Amino acid sequence: MWALVNARLWDGQGVSYERGGLLVDDDGRIQAVEGHYQPPAGVPAIDARGAWCLPGLIDAHSHLGITTSGEGPAHQDVNEPTDAVTADLRAIDGVNPRDPAIGEALAAGVTAAFITIGSANVIGGIGSVLHLAGETVESMLMVQAAGMKAALGENPIRIHGGQKRRPASRPGVAAVLREWLERARRYQNDPPLDWKQYDPKLEALGLVIRRDIPLRIHAHRADDILTALRVVAPYKVRTVIDHGTEAHLIIDELKRADVPVVTGPSFAARSKAELRQKGFWTPVALARAGILTAIASDHPVVPAEYLALYAGLAVREGMDPDQALAAVTGNPAKILGIADRVGSLQVGREADIVLWSDNPLTHLTAKAHTVWIAGRPVWERG
């Protein structure tokens, strides 16, 4: 058991103390959060000396570890572009825990990330939530199956249409997604009787049909987002829109559908036509409308280590600072199904916390001093 005292506590979800402290038990969970906190006698205490203490940042859409930083094509395992549907793939099988970018993100206060397959396929595979500290994937794992990747728009059309195979158009992409959701629904209703009928892709999609995990749908243009919602509606699957570049144009439709949106990478260039509306105004508009919104890096498109900066740029665009912090902490935790564990400075949560020299959303010079995961120090600035 240990305590942190004289810290500026802030989690964007109700905890805000100029001079506060917290108590962490032997299981790494927060047991007290108070202003002017005085720990029990005999409990070792760390004096923060006025530094900022925030929840560990959470990257809600990343390819950390499956695109090893500084390596060539043989170490880039984001996509398996050989088939339009590869639902049986698992991102975890391609993660390299020694990717230098993982340590760089950790040193910048990012403690967890959703690691997902890429967007070359209509249905790409299963992503996992990992802590960003550990020698093996198993030691980093938080949630093995946290979302099934799907993609609409330019990417699957370019990859597969370019090889003269289906899909080569937006209706083709929608038809493939609809076909496999229907096949998965029928497979669940009439399970195979023996191994000859076993289909690993349909087994994996069963997680989506049963609502065990959400369908994480890559979509930029407003019409692609609406097509995604139209296709999935009859199946009543849990859905998250990833990127959502033009989501601010269809606020009412998204509110009616009640789906979260993971925005980003808004810091990158507009490298293709469907990114023409890209900007940090999108998460601002979504958050103001009450839509559950996260800000993500899509690493390596933009580096995960600057996640706090991306939230800060949303503040510059007009986002409430509490909402911006929640967009990289509590909201990703809710979207990923781990809000009962991390993402806030609440009693009972795991102590995934970061001590900062200043507010990282408003000060470019702010640096992480110490990073804890589940109450254990995993990185300290020398």
Protein backbone atom coordinates (compact mmCIF):
# COMPACT_ATOMS: atom_id res chain seq x y z
CA MET A 1 0.00 0.00 0.00
CA TRP A 2 1.23 3.50 -0.83
CA ALA A 3 -0.06 7.03 -1.17
CA LEU A 4 0.40 10.04 -3.42
CA VAL A 5 0.02 13.45 -1.78
CA ASN A 6 0.22 17.11 -2.78
CA ALA A 7 -0.84 16.37 -6.36
CA ARG A 8 -3.13 18.27 -8.69
CA LEU A 9 -5.65 15.51 -9.40
CA TRP A 10 -7.78 15.71 -12.57
CA ASP A 11 -9.67 13.06 -14.51
CA GLY A 12 -12.21 15.10 -16.50
CA GLN A 13 -15.05 13.18 -14.89
CA GLY A 14 -15.57 14.93 -11.59
CA VAL A 15 -12.24 14.52 -9.80
CA SER A 16 -10.44 17.86 -9.59
CA TYR A 17 -8.32 18.79 -6.59
CA GLU A 18 -5.67 21.48 -6.50
CA ARG A 19 -3.90 19.72 -3.64
CA GLY A 20 -5.17 16.20 -3.46
CA GLY A 21 -3.97 12.72 -2.88
CA LEU A 22 -4.86 9.10 -3.32
CA LEU A 23 -4.26 5.77 -1.63
CA VAL A 24 -3.35 2.63 -3.60
CA ASP A 25 -3.74 -0.81 -2.04
CA ASP A 26 -1.55 -3.88 -2.46
CA ASP A 27 -3.70 -5.05 -5.40
CA GLY A 28 -2.98 -1.84 -7.27
CA ARG A 29 -6.46 -0.35 -6.82
CA ILE A 30 -7.33 3.15 -5.69
CA GLN A 31 -8.82 3.10 -2.19
CA ALA A 32 -9.11 6.83 -1.48
CA VAL A 33 -9.20 10.08 -3.49
CA GLU A 34 -9.45 13.30 -1.52
CA GLY A 35 -8.42 16.90 -1.39
CA HIS A 36 -5.63 17.61 1.10
CA TYR A 37 -5.34 13.87 1.65
CA GLN A 38 -3.43 12.58 4.64
CA PRO A 39 -2.55 8.86 4.39
CA PRO A 40 -2.82 6.54 7.40
CA ALA A 41 0.16 6.37 9.71
CA GLY A 42 2.91 4.09 8.44
CA VAL A 43 1.81 4.18 4.78
CA PRO A 44 4.69 5.30 2.53
CA ALA A 45 3.77 8.48 0.66
CA ILE A 46 5.13 10.08 -2.51
CA ASP A 47 5.10 13.89 -2.42
CA ALA A 48 4.02 15.09 -5.88
CA ARG A 49 5.07 18.67 -5.05
CA GLY A 50 2.14 20.12 -6.99
CA ALA A 51 2.59 18.03 -10.13
CA TRP A 52 -0.47 17.01 -12.15
CA CYS A 53 -1.83 13.49 -11.66
CA LEU A 54 -4.07 12.21 -14.48
CA PRO A 55 -5.41 8.79 -15.43
CA GLY A 56 -3.22 6.90 -17.87
CA LEU A 57 -4.10 7.88 -21.43
CA ILE A 58 -5.89 5.25 -23.55
CA ASP A 59 -5.49 5.09 -27.33
CA ALA A 60 -8.84 3.85 -28.64
CA HIS A 61 -7.55 2.91 -32.12
CA SER A 62 -3.93 1.98 -32.70
CA HIS A 63 -1.62 -0.39 -34.54
CA LEU A 64 1.17 -0.25 -31.97
CA GLY A 65 3.23 -3.42 -31.98
CA ILE A 66 1.89 -4.75 -35.27
CA THR A 67 3.82 -2.08 -37.18
CA THR A 68 7.26 -2.22 -35.61
CA SER A 69 8.79 1.27 -35.61
CA GLY A 70 11.88 1.66 -37.81
CA GLU A 71 11.50 -1.72 -39.53
CA GLY A 72 10.70 -2.69 -43.11
CA PRO A 73 7.70 -4.45 -44.69
CA ALA A 74 8.45 -7.80 -43.04
CA HIS A 75 7.60 -6.23 -39.67
CA GLN A 76 4.39 -4.47 -40.75
CA ASP A 77 1.57 -6.88 -39.91
CA VAL A 78 -1.46 -4.60 -39.89
CA ASN A 79 -3.16 -6.05 -42.98
CA GLU A 80 -3.75 -9.47 -44.54
CA PRO A 81 -4.96 -8.23 -47.94
CA THR A 82 -5.39 -11.65 -49.54
CA ASP A 83 -9.15 -11.89 -48.92
CA ALA A 84 -11.98 -9.40 -48.43
CA VAL A 85 -13.04 -11.23 -45.24
CA THR A 86 -10.43 -12.35 -42.69
CA ALA A 87 -12.58 -12.32 -39.56
CA ASP A 88 -10.59 -15.16 -38.00
CA LEU A 89 -7.41 -13.06 -37.73
CA ARG A 90 -6.34 -11.82 -34.31
CA ALA A 91 -4.22 -8.69 -34.01
CA ILE A 92 -2.62 -10.10 -30.89
CA ASP A 93 -0.81 -12.71 -33.00
CA GLY A 94 1.16 -9.98 -34.75
CA VAL A 95 2.08 -7.79 -31.77
CA ASN A 96 5.79 -7.28 -31.13
CA PRO A 97 6.13 -6.18 -27.46
CA ARG A 98 9.58 -4.80 -28.29
CA ASP A 99 8.28 -2.29 -30.80
CA PRO A 100 10.15 0.90 -29.75
CA ALA A 101 6.97 2.94 -30.25
CA ILE A 102 5.30 1.11 -27.34
CA GLY A 103 7.91 2.38 -24.90
CA GLU A 104 7.76 5.86 -26.40
CA ALA A 105 4.00 5.99 -25.93
CA LEU A 106 4.31 4.72 -22.36
CA ALA A 107 6.86 7.42 -21.57
CA ALA A 108 4.32 9.97 -22.85
CA GLY A 109 1.61 8.80 -20.47
CA VAL A 110 -0.23 6.29 -22.68
CA THR A 111 -0.87 3.22 -20.52
CA ALA A 112 -3.29 1.22 -22.69
CA ALA A 113 -4.37 0.89 -26.32
CA PHE A 114 -6.82 -0.97 -28.53
CA ILE A 115 -4.62 -2.76 -31.04
CA THR A 116 -6.58 -3.46 -34.19
CA ILE A 117 -6.11 -5.03 -37.60
CA GLY A 118 -6.01 -2.55 -40.50
CA SER A 119 -8.60 -1.48 -43.03
CA ALA A 120 -7.59 -3.35 -46.19
CA ASN A 121 -10.53 -5.76 -45.84
CA VAL A 122 -14.27 -5.43 -45.49
CA ILE A 123 -13.95 -7.55 -42.32
CA GLY A 124 -10.42 -7.64 -40.99
CA GLY A 125 -10.24 -9.46 -37.66
CA ILE A 126 -10.28 -9.18 -33.88
CA GLY A 127 -8.47 -6.47 -31.92
CA SER A 128 -7.25 -6.58 -28.32
CA VAL A 129 -6.71 -4.11 -25.49
CA LEU A 130 -3.17 -4.11 -24.15
CA HIS A 131 -1.34 -2.38 -21.37
CA LEU A 132 1.81 -0.81 -22.80
CA ALA A 133 4.22 -2.41 -20.35
CA GLY A 134 5.37 -6.03 -20.35
CA GLU A 135 7.87 -8.41 -21.84
CA THR A 136 5.26 -10.61 -23.53
CA VAL A 137 1.86 -10.06 -25.09
CA GLU A 138 0.35 -12.27 -22.40
CA SER A 139 1.70 -10.02 -19.64
CA MET A 140 0.31 -6.94 -21.42
CA LEU A 141 -3.14 -8.32 -22.20
CA MET A 142 -6.22 -6.63 -20.75
CA VAL A 143 -8.98 -7.82 -23.12
CA GLN A 144 -8.21 -10.48 -25.73
CA ALA A 145 -11.28 -9.89 -27.92
CA ALA A 146 -12.39 -6.26 -27.73
CA GLY A 147 -13.72 -5.55 -31.23
CA MET A 148 -14.06 -6.90 -34.77
CA LYS A 149 -12.65 -4.62 -37.46
CA ALA A 150 -14.69 -3.78 -40.55
CA ALA A 151 -14.05 -1.11 -43.19
CA LEU A 152 -16.05 0.86 -45.72
CA GLY A 153 -14.88 3.39 -48.27
CA GLU A 154 -11.72 3.76 -50.30
CA ASN A 155 -9.40 1.25 -48.62
CA PRO A 156 -11.10 -2.10 -49.32
CA ILE A 157 -12.16 -0.85 -52.75
CA ARG A 158 -8.59 0.07 -53.67
CA ILE A 159 -7.04 -3.12 -52.30
CA HIS A 160 -9.48 -5.65 -53.71
CA GLY A 161 -10.92 -3.82 -56.69
CA GLY A 162 -7.36 -3.11 -57.76
CA GLN A 163 -6.83 -6.87 -57.99
CA LYS A 164 -10.05 -7.22 -60.01
CA ARG A 165 -11.95 -9.05 -57.31
CA ARG A 166 -14.93 -8.18 -55.19
CA PRO A 167 -15.49 -5.58 -53.83
CA ALA A 168 -14.62 -2.90 -56.35
CA SER A 169 -17.31 -0.38 -55.35
CA ARG A 170 -19.15 0.98 -52.33
CA PRO A 171 -22.23 -1.18 -53.05
CA GLY A 172 -19.84 -4.13 -53.32
CA VAL A 173 -18.35 -3.40 -49.91
CA ALA A 174 -21.82 -3.11 -48.34
CA ALA A 175 -22.93 -6.35 -49.99
CA VAL A 176 -19.92 -8.27 -48.65
CA LEU A 177 -20.48 -6.97 -45.12
CA ARG A 178 -24.20 -7.74 -45.26
CA GLU A 179 -23.57 -11.24 -46.66
CA TRP A 180 -21.17 -12.22 -43.90
CA LEU A 181 -23.30 -10.81 -41.11
CA GLU A 182 -26.21 -12.87 -42.44
CA ARG A 183 -24.05 -15.97 -42.79
CA ALA A 184 -22.82 -15.49 -39.23
CA ARG A 185 -26.39 -15.06 -37.95
CA ARG A 186 -27.49 -18.31 -39.62
CA TYR A 187 -24.36 -20.11 -38.40
CA GLN A 188 -25.21 -19.08 -34.84
CA ASN A 189 -28.83 -20.18 -35.19
CA ASP A 190 -27.84 -23.53 -36.72
CA PRO A 191 -24.39 -24.41 -35.31
CA PRO A 192 -22.24 -27.01 -37.08
CA LEU A 193 -22.68 -30.62 -36.03
CA ASP A 194 -19.14 -31.73 -36.85
CA TRP A 195 -15.74 -30.39 -37.86
CA LYS A 196 -16.55 -30.58 -41.58
CA GLN A 197 -18.99 -27.69 -41.16
CA TYR A 198 -16.70 -25.67 -38.93
CA ASP A 199 -15.90 -22.18 -40.32
CA PRO A 200 -13.35 -20.14 -38.33
CA LYS A 201 -14.52 -16.85 -39.87
CA LEU A 202 -18.12 -17.46 -38.88
CA GLU A 203 -17.05 -18.64 -35.44
CA ALA A 204 -15.22 -15.33 -34.97
CA LEU A 205 -18.15 -13.29 -36.29
CA GLY A 206 -20.33 -15.07 -33.76
CA LEU A 207 -18.77 -12.80 -31.14
CA VAL A 208 -20.34 -9.86 -32.99
CA ILE A 209 -23.72 -11.51 -33.61
CA ARG A 210 -23.98 -12.47 -29.91
CA ARG A 211 -23.03 -8.89 -28.97
CA ASP A 212 -19.99 -10.12 -27.05
CA ILE A 213 -17.84 -7.56 -28.88
CA PRO A 214 -18.63 -4.53 -31.05
CA LEU A 215 -18.15 -4.22 -34.78
CA ARG A 216 -15.53 -1.47 -35.13
CA ILE A 217 -16.34 0.07 -38.51
CA HIS A 218 -13.73 2.19 -40.33
CA ALA A 219 -15.72 4.90 -42.16
CA HIS A 220 -14.77 8.46 -43.11
CA ARG A 221 -17.42 9.92 -45.40
CA ALA A 222 -20.87 10.70 -44.03
CA ASP A 223 -22.52 8.44 -46.62
CA ASP A 224 -20.21 5.56 -45.67
CA ILE A 225 -21.08 6.01 -41.99
CA LEU A 226 -24.78 5.94 -42.82
CA THR A 227 -24.30 2.88 -45.04
CA ALA A 228 -22.59 1.13 -42.14
CA LEU A 229 -25.50 1.91 -39.84
CA ARG A 230 -28.00 0.77 -42.48
CA VAL A 231 -26.24 -2.56 -43.04
CA VAL A 232 -25.85 -3.46 -39.37
CA ALA A 233 -29.28 -2.26 -38.18
CA PRO A 234 -31.18 -5.53 -38.86
CA TYR A 235 -28.61 -7.49 -36.83
CA LYS A 236 -28.70 -5.19 -33.78
CA VAL A 237 -24.97 -5.65 -33.25
CA ARG A 238 -22.95 -3.37 -31.03
CA THR A 239 -21.28 -0.81 -33.29
CA VAL A 240 -18.48 1.75 -33.02
CA ILE A 241 -17.58 4.13 -35.84
CA ASP A 242 -13.83 4.53 -36.26
CA HIS A 243 -12.35 7.72 -37.76
CA GLY A 244 -15.75 9.32 -38.50
CA THR A 245 -14.12 12.15 -40.45
CA GLU A 246 -17.48 13.57 -41.59
CA ALA A 247 -19.39 12.50 -38.47
CA HIS A 248 -20.02 16.15 -37.58
CA LEU A 249 -22.23 16.38 -40.70
CA ILE A 250 -24.67 13.73 -39.45
CA ILE A 251 -24.98 14.47 -35.73
CA ASP A 252 -28.73 13.76 -35.55
CA GLU A 253 -28.42 10.40 -37.29
CA LEU A 254 -25.59 9.31 -34.99
CA LYS A 255 -27.56 10.34 -31.91
CA ARG A 256 -30.55 8.31 -33.08
CA ALA A 257 -28.32 5.29 -33.70
CA ASP A 258 -26.64 5.78 -30.30
CA VAL A 259 -23.19 4.69 -31.48
CA PRO A 260 -19.83 5.91 -30.16
CA VAL A 261 -17.33 7.51 -32.51
CA VAL A 262 -13.54 7.16 -32.26
CA THR A 263 -12.11 10.13 -34.16
CA GLY A 264 -8.65 10.57 -35.65
CA PRO A 265 -5.99 10.74 -36.82
CA SER A 266 -6.94 14.40 -37.19
CA PHE A 267 -3.31 15.58 -37.06
CA ALA A 268 -2.29 13.87 -40.31
CA ALA A 269 -2.47 15.26 -43.84
CA ARG A 270 -5.53 14.85 -46.06
CA SER A 271 -3.99 12.05 -48.09
CA LYS A 272 -7.13 10.92 -49.93
CA ALA A 273 -10.47 12.31 -51.07
CA GLU A 274 -12.54 11.01 -48.18
CA LEU A 275 -10.40 13.02 -45.72
CA ARG A 276 -11.31 16.45 -47.11
CA GLN A 277 -13.41 17.31 -44.05
CA LYS A 278 -10.80 16.17 -41.54
CA GLY A 279 -10.13 18.37 -38.51
CA PHE A 280 -10.33 18.57 -34.73
CA TRP A 281 -13.75 20.23 -35.03
CA THR A 282 -15.26 16.76 -35.45
CA PRO A 283 -14.70 15.50 -31.87
CA VAL A 284 -15.69 18.96 -30.61
CA ALA A 285 -19.06 18.79 -32.37
CA LEU A 286 -19.67 15.18 -31.32
CA ALA A 287 -18.86 15.83 -27.66
CA ARG A 288 -21.09 18.92 -27.58
CA ALA A 289 -23.93 16.81 -28.95
CA GLY A 290 -23.51 14.26 -26.17
CA ILE A 291 -22.17 11.49 -28.41
CA LEU A 292 -19.64 9.22 -26.71
CA THR A 293 -16.42 10.36 -28.39
CA ALA A 294 -12.78 9.34 -28.22
CA ILE A 295 -9.67 10.85 -29.83
CA ALA A 296 -7.22 8.26 -31.18
CA SER A 297 -3.84 8.24 -32.91
CA ASP A 298 -4.27 5.43 -35.47
CA HIS A 299 -0.54 4.87 -34.87
CA PRO A 300 1.63 4.82 -36.96
CA VAL A 301 -0.38 7.25 -39.10
CA VAL A 302 0.44 9.74 -36.37
CA PRO A 303 2.54 8.68 -33.36
CA ALA A 304 0.71 7.40 -30.30
CA GLU A 305 3.19 9.20 -28.05
CA TYR A 306 1.50 12.53 -28.88
CA LEU A 307 -2.00 11.48 -27.83
CA ALA A 308 -2.15 14.25 -25.19
CA LEU A 309 -1.27 16.79 -27.89
CA TYR A 310 -4.17 15.65 -30.07
CA ALA A 311 -6.56 16.13 -27.17
CA GLY A 312 -5.01 19.55 -26.60
CA LEU A 313 -5.62 20.52 -30.22
CA ALA A 314 -9.29 19.67 -29.72
CA VAL A 315 -9.28 22.07 -26.74
CA ARG A 316 -7.80 24.74 -29.02
CA GLU A 317 -10.65 24.07 -31.44
CA GLY A 318 -13.18 24.72 -28.66
CA MET A 319 -13.59 21.44 -26.80
CA ASP A 320 -14.22 21.67 -23.08
CA PRO A 321 -11.00 20.57 -21.31
CA ASP A 322 -12.85 17.98 -19.22
CA GLN A 323 -14.37 16.51 -22.39
CA ALA A 324 -10.99 16.49 -24.11
CA LEU A 325 -9.34 14.63 -21.25
CA ALA A 326 -12.25 12.17 -21.13
CA ALA A 327 -11.78 11.63 -24.89
CA VAL A 328 -8.37 10.06 -24.21
CA THR A 329 -9.14 8.40 -20.85
CA GLY A 330 -12.65 7.63 -19.63
CA ASN A 331 -14.42 7.55 -22.99
CA PRO A 332 -12.00 5.07 -24.60
CA ALA A 333 -12.36 2.97 -21.45
CA LYS A 334 -16.15 2.94 -21.88
CA ILE A 335 -15.92 2.11 -25.59
CA LEU A 336 -13.45 -0.70 -24.90
CA GLY A 337 -15.42 -2.15 -22.00
CA ILE A 338 -12.76 -1.46 -19.37
CA ALA A 339 -14.26 1.56 -17.58
CA ASP A 340 -14.74 -0.53 -14.45
CA ARG A 341 -10.96 -0.95 -14.35
CA VAL A 342 -9.25 2.17 -15.71
CA GLY A 343 -9.81 5.60 -17.23
CA SER A 344 -10.58 7.62 -14.10
CA LEU A 345 -9.28 8.46 -10.63
CA GLN A 346 -12.16 6.79 -8.81
CA VAL A 347 -12.12 4.51 -5.79
CA GLY A 348 -12.00 0.88 -6.91
CA ARG A 349 -10.26 1.57 -10.22
CA GLU A 350 -6.81 0.21 -11.00
CA ALA A 351 -4.13 2.81 -10.40
CA ASP A 352 -3.16 3.42 -14.03
CA ILE A 353 -1.97 6.95 -13.35
CA VAL A 354 0.60 9.42 -14.63
CA LEU A 355 2.37 12.23 -12.83
CA TRP A 356 2.96 15.20 -15.15
CA SER A 357 5.11 18.32 -14.78
CA ASP A 358 2.19 20.41 -16.08
CA ASN A 359 -1.19 20.04 -17.77
CA PRO A 360 -0.34 18.01 -20.92
CA LEU A 361 -3.43 19.26 -22.79
CA THR A 362 -2.47 22.92 -22.51
CA HIS A 363 1.33 22.98 -22.15
CA LEU A 364 3.64 21.69 -24.87
CA THR A 365 6.45 21.55 -22.34
CA ALA A 366 4.56 19.16 -20.02
CA LYS A 367 6.42 15.88 -19.47
CA ALA A 368 5.42 12.66 -17.77
CA HIS A 369 7.53 12.11 -14.64
CA THR A 370 6.24 8.73 -13.46
CA VAL A 371 3.85 6.18 -14.96
CA TRP A 372 2.09 3.55 -12.87
CA ILE A 373 0.06 0.60 -14.17
CA ALA A 374 -2.11 -1.14 -11.60
CA GLY A 375 -0.20 0.70 -8.89
CA ARG A 376 3.20 -0.48 -10.08
CA PRO A 377 5.74 2.02 -11.41
CA VAL A 378 6.55 1.03 -15.01
CA TRP A 379 8.36 4.15 -16.21
CA GLU A 380 10.20 7.02 -14.53
CA ARG A 381 11.97 9.95 -16.10
CA GLY A 382 15.67 9.80 -15.31
